[in-house]
C-alpha atoms as a PDB file:
ATOM      1  CA  MET A   1       0.000   0.000   0.000  1.00  0.00           C
ATOM      2  CA  HIS A   2       2.796   2.410   0.921  1.00  0.00           C
ATOM      3  CA  LYS A   3       4.608   1.737  -2.381  1.00  0.00           C
ATOM      4  CA  MET A   4       1.399   2.350  -4.295  1.00  0.00           C
ATOM      5  CA  LEU A   5       0.905   5.740  -2.628  1.00  0.00           C
ATOM      6  CA  ILE A   6       4.457   6.806  -3.470  1.00  0.00           C
ATOM      7  CA  SER A   7       3.935   5.742  -7.088  1.00  0.00           C
ATOM      8  CA  ALA A   8       0.723   7.738  -7.321  1.00  0.00           C
ATOM      9  CA  VAL A   9       2.409  10.851  -5.944  1.00  0.00           C
ATOM     10  CA  ALA A  10       5.307  10.465  -8.367  1.00  0.00           C
ATOM     11  CA  ILE A  11       3.038  10.630 -11.441  1.00  0.00           C
ATOM     12  CA  VAL A  12       0.974  13.644 -10.409  1.00  0.00           C
ATOM     13  CA  PRO A  13       2.022  16.454 -12.746  1.00  0.00           C
ATOM     14  CA  THR A  14       2.935  19.834 -11.357  1.00  0.00           C
ATOM     15  CA  ALA A  15       1.968  23.214 -12.785  1.00  0.00           C
ATOM     16  CA  PRO A  16       5.270  23.784 -14.647  1.00  0.00           C
ATOM     17  CA  ALA A  17       4.741  20.499 -16.509  1.00  0.00           C
ATOM     18  CA  TRP A  18       1.613  22.049 -18.014  1.00  0.00           C
ATOM     19  CA  ALA A  19       3.457  25.130 -19.190  1.00  0.00           C
ATOM     20  CA  ALA A  20       4.067  25.406 -22.874  1.00  0.00           C
ATOM     21  CA  SER A  21       6.622  27.318 -24.808  1.00  0.00           C
ATOM     22  CA  GLN A  22       4.896  29.838 -27.051  1.00  0.00           C
ATOM     23  CA  THR A  23       6.194  32.087 -29.804  1.00  0.00           C
ATOM     24  CA  VAL A  24       4.673  35.427 -30.693  1.00  0.00           C
ATOM     25  CA  THR A  25       5.672  37.940 -33.336  1.00  0.00           C
ATOM     26  CA  LEU A  26       5.299  41.514 -32.175  1.00  0.00           C
ATOM     27  CA  SER A  27       4.999  44.402 -34.574  1.00  0.00           C
ATOM     28  CA  VAL A  28       7.125  47.309 -33.316  1.00  0.00           C
ATOM     29  CA  PRO A  29       6.413  50.082 -35.849  1.00  0.00           C
ATOM     30  CA  THR A  30       8.439  52.804 -34.115  1.00  0.00           C
ATOM     31  CA  MET A  31      11.780  50.967 -34.455  1.00  0.00           C
ATOM     32  CA  ASN A  32      13.644  53.065 -36.979  1.00  0.00           C
ATOM     33  CA  CYS A  33      17.322  53.193 -36.029  1.00  0.00           C
ATOM     34  CA  PRO A  34      20.138  50.693 -35.389  1.00  0.00           C
ATOM     35  CA  VAL A  35      19.920  51.172 -31.599  1.00  0.00           C
ATOM     36  CA  CYS A  36      16.165  50.470 -31.410  1.00  0.00           C
ATOM     37  CA  PRO A  37      16.428  46.656 -31.692  1.00  0.00           C
ATOM     38  CA  ILE A  38      18.987  46.581 -28.888  1.00  0.00           C
ATOM     39  CA  THR A  39      16.636  48.469 -26.580  1.00  0.00           C
ATOM     40  CA  VAL A  40      13.630  46.329 -27.520  1.00  0.00           C
ATOM     41  CA  LYS A  41      15.575  43.082 -27.075  1.00  0.00           C
ATOM     42  CA  LYS A  42      16.898  44.203 -23.692  1.00  0.00           C
ATOM     43  CA  ALA A  43      13.379  45.083 -22.492  1.00  0.00           C
ATOM     44  CA  LEU A  44      11.933  41.756 -23.628  1.00  0.00           C
ATOM     45  CA  THR A  45      14.708  39.580 -22.213  1.00  0.00           C
ATOM     46  CA  LYS A  46      14.105  41.111 -18.774  1.00  0.00           C
ATOM     47  CA  VAL A  47      10.543  39.721 -18.712  1.00  0.00           C
ATOM     48  CA  PRO A  48      10.473  36.552 -16.555  1.00  0.00           C
ATOM     49  CA  GLY A  49       9.698  33.514 -18.692  1.00  0.00           C
ATOM     50  CA  VAL A  50      11.192  34.840 -21.936  1.00  0.00           C
ATOM     51  CA  SER A  51      13.679  32.345 -23.350  1.00  0.00           C
ATOM     52  CA  GLN A  52      14.530  33.820 -26.758  1.00  0.00           C
ATOM     53  CA  VAL A  53      14.189  37.146 -28.561  1.00  0.00           C
ATOM     54  CA  ASP A  54      14.968  37.862 -32.214  1.00  0.00           C
ATOM     55  CA  VAL A  55      14.487  41.499 -33.244  1.00  0.00           C
ATOM     56  CA  ARG A  56      14.440  42.419 -36.940  1.00  0.00           C
ATOM     57  CA  LEU A  57      14.822  46.127 -37.618  1.00  0.00           C
ATOM     58  CA  GLU A  58      14.186  45.864 -41.366  1.00  0.00           C
ATOM     59  CA  LYS A  59      10.762  44.300 -40.760  1.00  0.00           C
ATOM     60  CA  ARG A  60      10.097  46.142 -37.461  1.00  0.00           C
ATOM     61  CA  LEU A  61       9.354  42.839 -35.731  1.00  0.00           C
ATOM     62  CA  ALA A  62      10.314  41.091 -32.506  1.00  0.00           C
ATOM     63  CA  ILE A  63       9.916  37.318 -32.382  1.00  0.00           C
ATOM     64  CA  VAL A  64       9.656  36.192 -28.770  1.00  0.00           C
ATOM     65  CA  THR A  65       9.638  32.681 -27.303  1.00  0.00           C
ATOM     66  CA  TYR A  66       8.280  32.528 -23.775  1.00  0.00           C
ATOM     67  CA  ASP A  67       6.838  30.239 -21.111  1.00  0.00           C
ATOM     68  CA  ASP A  68       3.099  30.894 -21.036  1.00  0.00           C
ATOM     69  CA  ALA A  69       2.912  29.854 -17.372  1.00  0.00           C
ATOM     70  CA  ARG A  70       5.296  32.668 -16.421  1.00  0.00           C
ATOM     71  CA  THR A  71       4.333  35.535 -18.716  1.00  0.00           C
ATOM     72  CA  SER A  72       1.860  36.677 -21.350  1.00  0.00           C
ATOM     73  CA  VAL A  73       1.703  38.604 -24.594  1.00  0.00           C
ATOM     74  CA  GLU A  74       0.309  41.531 -22.588  1.00  0.00           C
ATOM     75  CA  ALA A  75       3.411  41.543 -20.376  1.00  0.00           C
ATOM     76  CA  LEU A  76       5.631  41.515 -23.463  1.00  0.00           C
ATOM     77  CA  THR A  77       3.842  44.440 -25.096  1.00  0.00           C
ATOM     78  CA  HIS A  78       3.914  46.287 -21.769  1.00  0.00           C
ATOM     79  CA  ALA A  79       7.706  45.800 -21.597  1.00  0.00           C
ATOM     80  CA  THR A  80       8.284  47.246 -25.068  1.00  0.00           C
ATOM     81  CA  LYS A  81       5.934  50.156 -24.365  1.00  0.00           C
ATOM     82  CA  ASN A  82       7.807  50.961 -21.141  1.00  0.00           C
ATOM     83  CA  ALA A  83      11.040  50.964 -23.160  1.00  0.00           C
ATOM     84  CA  GLY A  84       9.535  53.553 -25.518  1.00  0.00           C
ATOM     85  CA  TYR A  85       8.526  51.185 -28.307  1.00  0.00           C
ATOM     86  CA  PRO A  86       4.820  50.299 -28.294  1.00  0.00           C
ATOM     87  CA  SER A  87       4.112  46.924 -29.870  1.00  0.00           C
ATOM     88  CA  ALA A  88       1.227  44.634 -30.727  1.00  0.00           C
ATOM     89  CA  PRO A  89       0.954  41.033 -31.887  1.00  0.00           C
ATOM     90  CA  SER A  90       1.578  40.867 -35.612  1.00  0.00           C
ATOM     91  CA  GLU A  91      -1.064  39.451 -37.905  1.00  0.00           C
ATOM     92  CA  ASN A  92       1.526  36.836 -38.903  1.00  0.00           C
ATOM     93  CA  SER A  93       2.010  35.827 -35.272  1.00  0.00           C
ATOM     94  CA  LYS A  94       1.835  32.133 -34.391  1.00  0.00           C
END
């Protein structure tokens, strides 16, 4: 009986196991100089749960991979806005 209880506890998933890695493409229309992507990337990488950021000046996009249990698209857009670069999910976003 004791071994069965331990086995049952071992297979119960925890909240982080339910978390999924998500990718969103943010449109950042006010990026217009070579320093802008650096600022945007820095702001996004400071958001807890963000694992990867790729900023493309020529397309004015930021592609962000994040843990949806730790952050949200709203938190990402808030971070870019606070850095001086308002953003919104792109229509091409996954």
